[in-house]
């Protein structure tokens, strides 16, 4: 199963929105039973993204990641290498 995290950037950069979503998922995790492990997988993906990303470089690479332009971002893993991939719309 492919794990995907969707973010909506509006007046918040990729880093701030990813941290906010991570915190929201953690709160949900402790309030519910994650029987299928979906929350675990999303939390792990976001933790890896937050720990391994150079956010200054990301923001400078695409103005949409600064939050000044409203956009949607999909965070997922490349199944072959396990690398994290961003799709920005």
N, C-alpha and C. Protein backbone atom coordinates (compact mmCIF):
# COMPACT_ATOMS: atom_id res chain seq x y z
N UNK A 1 0.84 -1.19 0.00
CA UNK A 1 0.00 0.00 0.00
C UNK A 1 0.88 1.25 0.00
N UNK A 2 0.58 2.16 -0.90
CA UNK A 2 1.33 3.40 -0.98
C UNK A 2 0.84 4.37 0.09
N UNK A 3 1.78 4.94 0.83
CA UNK A 3 1.44 5.89 1.88
C UNK A 3 1.58 7.29 1.30
N UNK A 4 0.52 8.09 1.46
CA UNK A 4 0.49 9.44 0.93
C UNK A 4 0.01 10.39 2.02
N UNK A 5 0.68 11.55 2.10
CA UNK A 5 0.23 12.62 2.98
C UNK A 5 -0.04 13.83 2.10
N UNK A 6 -1.24 14.37 2.22
CA UNK A 6 -1.64 15.56 1.46
C UNK A 6 -1.55 16.79 2.36
N UNK A 7 -0.93 17.83 1.83
CA UNK A 7 -0.85 19.10 2.55
C UNK A 7 -1.42 20.20 1.68
N UNK A 8 -2.05 21.16 2.30
CA UNK A 8 -2.55 22.34 1.60
C UNK A 8 -1.78 23.54 2.15
N UNK A 9 -1.02 24.18 1.29
CA UNK A 9 -0.21 25.32 1.71
C UNK A 9 -0.94 26.62 1.38
N UNK A 10 -1.20 27.38 2.41
CA UNK A 10 -1.81 28.70 2.25
C UNK A 10 -1.35 29.54 3.43
N UNK A 11 -0.47 30.48 3.16
CA UNK A 11 0.11 31.37 4.18
C UNK A 11 1.00 30.64 5.18
N UNK A 12 1.36 29.39 4.87
CA UNK A 12 2.29 28.62 5.72
C UNK A 12 3.20 27.82 4.80
N UNK A 13 4.47 27.79 5.13
CA UNK A 13 5.44 27.09 4.28
C UNK A 13 5.33 25.57 4.46
N UNK A 14 6.04 24.86 3.63
CA UNK A 14 6.01 23.39 3.64
C UNK A 14 6.42 22.83 5.00
N UNK A 15 7.43 23.43 5.61
CA UNK A 15 7.90 22.92 6.91
C UNK A 15 6.85 23.11 8.00
N UNK A 16 6.27 24.29 8.08
CA UNK A 16 5.26 24.58 9.10
C UNK A 16 4.04 23.70 8.92
N UNK A 17 3.60 23.54 7.68
CA UNK A 17 2.41 22.72 7.43
C UNK A 17 2.69 21.24 7.70
N UNK A 18 3.88 20.77 7.34
CA UNK A 18 4.23 19.37 7.61
C UNK A 18 4.30 19.10 9.11
N UNK A 19 4.87 20.03 9.88
CA UNK A 19 4.93 19.87 11.34
C UNK A 19 3.52 19.90 11.95
N UNK A 20 2.68 20.77 11.43
CA UNK A 20 1.31 20.85 11.91
C UNK A 20 0.56 19.54 11.64
N UNK A 21 0.72 19.00 10.45
CA UNK A 21 0.07 17.73 10.10
C UNK A 21 0.63 16.59 10.95
N UNK A 22 1.93 16.59 11.19
CA UNK A 22 2.55 15.57 12.04
C UNK A 22 1.93 15.62 13.44
N UNK A 23 1.82 16.81 14.00
CA UNK A 23 1.23 16.96 15.34
C UNK A 23 -0.23 16.53 15.36
N UNK A 24 -0.99 16.87 14.29
CA UNK A 24 -2.38 16.47 14.21
C UNK A 24 -2.51 14.94 14.15
N UNK A 25 -1.65 14.30 13.36
CA UNK A 25 -1.68 12.84 13.26
C UNK A 25 -1.31 12.18 14.59
N UNK A 26 -0.32 12.74 15.28
CA UNK A 26 0.07 12.19 16.59
C UNK A 26 -1.09 12.30 17.59
N UNK A 27 -1.76 13.43 17.59
CA UNK A 27 -2.90 13.61 18.49
C UNK A 27 -4.00 12.60 18.16
N UNK A 28 -4.27 12.42 16.89
CA UNK A 28 -5.28 11.45 16.46
C UNK A 28 -4.87 10.04 16.84
N UNK A 29 -3.60 9.73 16.68
CA UNK A 29 -3.07 8.40 17.01
C UNK A 29 -3.35 8.03 18.47
N UNK A 30 -3.14 8.99 19.36
CA UNK A 30 -3.34 8.71 20.78
C UNK A 30 -4.80 8.73 21.21
N UNK A 31 -5.67 9.26 20.36
CA UNK A 31 -7.09 9.30 20.69
C UNK A 31 -7.88 8.15 20.09
N UNK A 32 -7.31 7.45 19.11
CA UNK A 32 -8.06 6.40 18.41
C UNK A 32 -7.25 5.11 18.37
N UNK A 33 -7.90 4.05 17.92
CA UNK A 33 -7.23 2.78 17.68
C UNK A 33 -6.87 2.71 16.20
N UNK A 34 -5.58 2.63 15.91
CA UNK A 34 -5.11 2.57 14.52
C UNK A 34 -4.90 1.10 14.15
N UNK A 35 -6.00 0.38 13.98
CA UNK A 35 -5.93 -1.06 13.76
C UNK A 35 -5.25 -1.43 12.44
N UNK A 36 -5.40 -0.62 11.43
CA UNK A 36 -4.82 -0.93 10.13
C UNK A 36 -3.42 -0.38 9.96
N UNK A 37 -2.95 0.42 10.89
CA UNK A 37 -1.59 0.95 10.83
C UNK A 37 -1.42 2.12 9.89
N UNK A 38 -2.52 2.66 9.40
CA UNK A 38 -2.44 3.77 8.45
C UNK A 38 -1.80 5.01 9.08
N UNK A 39 -2.21 5.33 10.31
CA UNK A 39 -1.63 6.49 10.98
C UNK A 39 -0.15 6.27 11.24
N UNK A 40 0.22 5.06 11.65
CA UNK A 40 1.64 4.74 11.87
C UNK A 40 2.46 5.04 10.63
N UNK A 41 1.97 4.61 9.48
CA UNK A 41 2.69 4.78 8.23
C UNK A 41 2.82 6.26 7.85
N UNK A 42 1.75 7.02 8.04
CA UNK A 42 1.79 8.45 7.71
C UNK A 42 2.71 9.20 8.67
N UNK A 43 2.65 8.83 9.94
CA UNK A 43 3.53 9.47 10.93
C UNK A 43 4.99 9.18 10.61
N UNK A 44 5.29 7.95 10.26
CA UNK A 44 6.66 7.58 9.90
C UNK A 44 7.13 8.35 8.67
N UNK A 45 6.28 8.45 7.66
CA UNK A 45 6.63 9.19 6.45
C UNK A 45 6.91 10.65 6.77
N UNK A 46 6.03 11.28 7.53
CA UNK A 46 6.24 12.69 7.88
C UNK A 46 7.47 12.88 8.76
N UNK A 47 7.70 11.96 9.69
CA UNK A 47 8.89 12.06 10.55
C UNK A 47 10.16 11.99 9.69
N UNK A 48 10.20 11.07 8.76
CA UNK A 48 11.35 10.95 7.87
C UNK A 48 11.51 12.20 7.01
N UNK A 49 10.40 12.74 6.52
CA UNK A 49 10.43 13.96 5.72
C UNK A 49 10.95 15.14 6.54
N UNK A 50 10.43 15.30 7.75
CA UNK A 50 10.85 16.41 8.61
C UNK A 50 12.31 16.29 9.03
N UNK A 51 12.74 15.08 9.34
CA UNK A 51 14.12 14.87 9.79
C UNK A 51 15.14 14.96 8.66
N UNK A 52 14.74 14.60 7.44
CA UNK A 52 15.70 14.48 6.36
C UNK A 52 15.68 15.58 5.31
N UNK A 53 14.83 16.58 5.50
CA UNK A 53 14.69 17.61 4.47
C UNK A 53 15.48 18.87 4.81
N UNK A 54 16.01 19.49 3.77
CA UNK A 54 16.63 20.81 3.88
C UNK A 54 15.54 21.81 3.46
N UNK A 55 14.83 22.35 4.43
CA UNK A 55 13.67 23.17 4.13
C UNK A 55 14.04 24.50 3.49
N UNK A 56 15.16 25.05 3.84
CA UNK A 56 15.60 26.28 3.19
C UNK A 56 15.78 26.04 1.69
N UNK A 57 16.40 24.92 1.36
CA UNK A 57 16.62 24.57 -0.05
C UNK A 57 15.29 24.28 -0.75
N UNK A 58 14.39 23.58 -0.08
CA UNK A 58 13.08 23.29 -0.66
C UNK A 58 12.32 24.58 -0.97
N UNK A 59 12.28 25.49 0.01
CA UNK A 59 11.54 26.75 -0.19
C UNK A 59 12.14 27.58 -1.31
N UNK A 60 13.46 27.55 -1.43
CA UNK A 60 14.10 28.34 -2.49
C UNK A 60 13.95 27.68 -3.87
N UNK A 61 13.64 26.39 -3.90
CA UNK A 61 13.51 25.68 -5.17
C UNK A 61 12.16 25.89 -5.84
N UNK A 62 11.14 26.25 -5.06
CA UNK A 62 9.80 26.40 -5.63
C UNK A 62 9.01 27.37 -4.75
N UNK A 63 8.63 28.49 -5.31
CA UNK A 63 7.92 29.53 -4.54
C UNK A 63 6.63 28.99 -3.91
N UNK A 64 6.03 28.00 -4.52
CA UNK A 64 4.79 27.44 -3.97
C UNK A 64 5.02 26.82 -2.61
N UNK A 65 6.25 26.38 -2.32
CA UNK A 65 6.56 25.75 -1.03
C UNK A 65 6.77 26.76 0.09
N UNK A 66 6.78 28.05 -0.25
CA UNK A 66 6.92 29.10 0.77
C UNK A 66 5.59 29.44 1.41
N UNK A 67 4.49 29.05 0.76
CA UNK A 67 3.16 29.34 1.29
C UNK A 67 2.60 30.66 0.80
N UNK A 68 3.38 31.42 0.05
CA UNK A 68 2.88 32.70 -0.47
C UNK A 68 1.90 32.49 -1.61
N UNK A 69 2.02 31.36 -2.29
CA UNK A 69 1.10 30.98 -3.35
C UNK A 69 0.36 29.73 -2.88
N UNK A 70 -0.94 29.78 -2.88
CA UNK A 70 -1.73 28.64 -2.42
C UNK A 70 -1.47 27.43 -3.32
N UNK A 71 -1.17 26.29 -2.70
CA UNK A 71 -0.89 25.08 -3.47
C UNK A 71 -1.15 23.84 -2.63
N UNK A 72 -1.19 22.72 -3.32
CA UNK A 72 -1.35 21.42 -2.66
C UNK A 72 -0.08 20.62 -2.89
N UNK A 73 0.31 19.86 -1.88
CA UNK A 73 1.53 19.05 -1.94
C UNK A 73 1.18 17.62 -1.54
N UNK A 74 1.69 16.69 -2.29
CA UNK A 74 1.57 15.28 -1.96
C UNK A 74 2.97 14.79 -1.57
N UNK A 75 3.06 14.19 -0.40
CA UNK A 75 4.32 13.59 0.06
C UNK A 75 4.14 12.09 0.02
N UNK A 76 5.07 11.39 -0.62
CA UNK A 76 5.00 9.93 -0.70
C UNK A 76 6.40 9.38 -0.88
N UNK A 77 6.50 8.06 -0.83
CA UNK A 77 7.78 7.39 -1.02
C UNK A 77 7.87 6.82 -2.43
N UNK A 78 9.06 6.92 -2.99
CA UNK A 78 9.35 6.24 -4.25
C UNK A 78 9.50 4.77 -3.88
N UNK A 79 8.65 3.92 -4.39
CA UNK A 79 8.65 2.50 -4.01
C UNK A 79 9.96 1.80 -4.30
N UNK A 80 10.65 2.22 -5.35
CA UNK A 80 11.88 1.53 -5.74
C UNK A 80 13.02 1.80 -4.75
N UNK A 81 13.26 3.06 -4.45
CA UNK A 81 14.39 3.41 -3.59
C UNK A 81 13.99 3.78 -2.18
N UNK A 82 12.71 3.99 -1.96
CA UNK A 82 12.25 4.41 -0.64
C UNK A 82 12.47 5.88 -0.37
N UNK A 83 12.94 6.62 -1.38
CA UNK A 83 13.16 8.06 -1.23
C UNK A 83 11.82 8.78 -1.15
N UNK A 84 11.80 9.88 -0.45
CA UNK A 84 10.59 10.68 -0.32
C UNK A 84 10.46 11.58 -1.54
N UNK A 85 9.25 11.62 -2.09
CA UNK A 85 8.96 12.39 -3.29
C UNK A 85 7.87 13.40 -2.98
N UNK A 86 8.04 14.63 -3.51
CA UNK A 86 7.03 15.66 -3.38
C UNK A 86 6.41 15.94 -4.74
N UNK A 87 5.10 16.07 -4.77
CA UNK A 87 4.40 16.53 -5.96
C UNK A 87 3.67 17.80 -5.55
N UNK A 88 3.89 18.88 -6.31
CA UNK A 88 3.30 20.17 -5.97
C UNK A 88 2.33 20.56 -7.08
N UNK A 89 1.12 20.98 -6.67
CA UNK A 89 0.09 21.39 -7.63
C UNK A 89 -0.40 22.78 -7.32
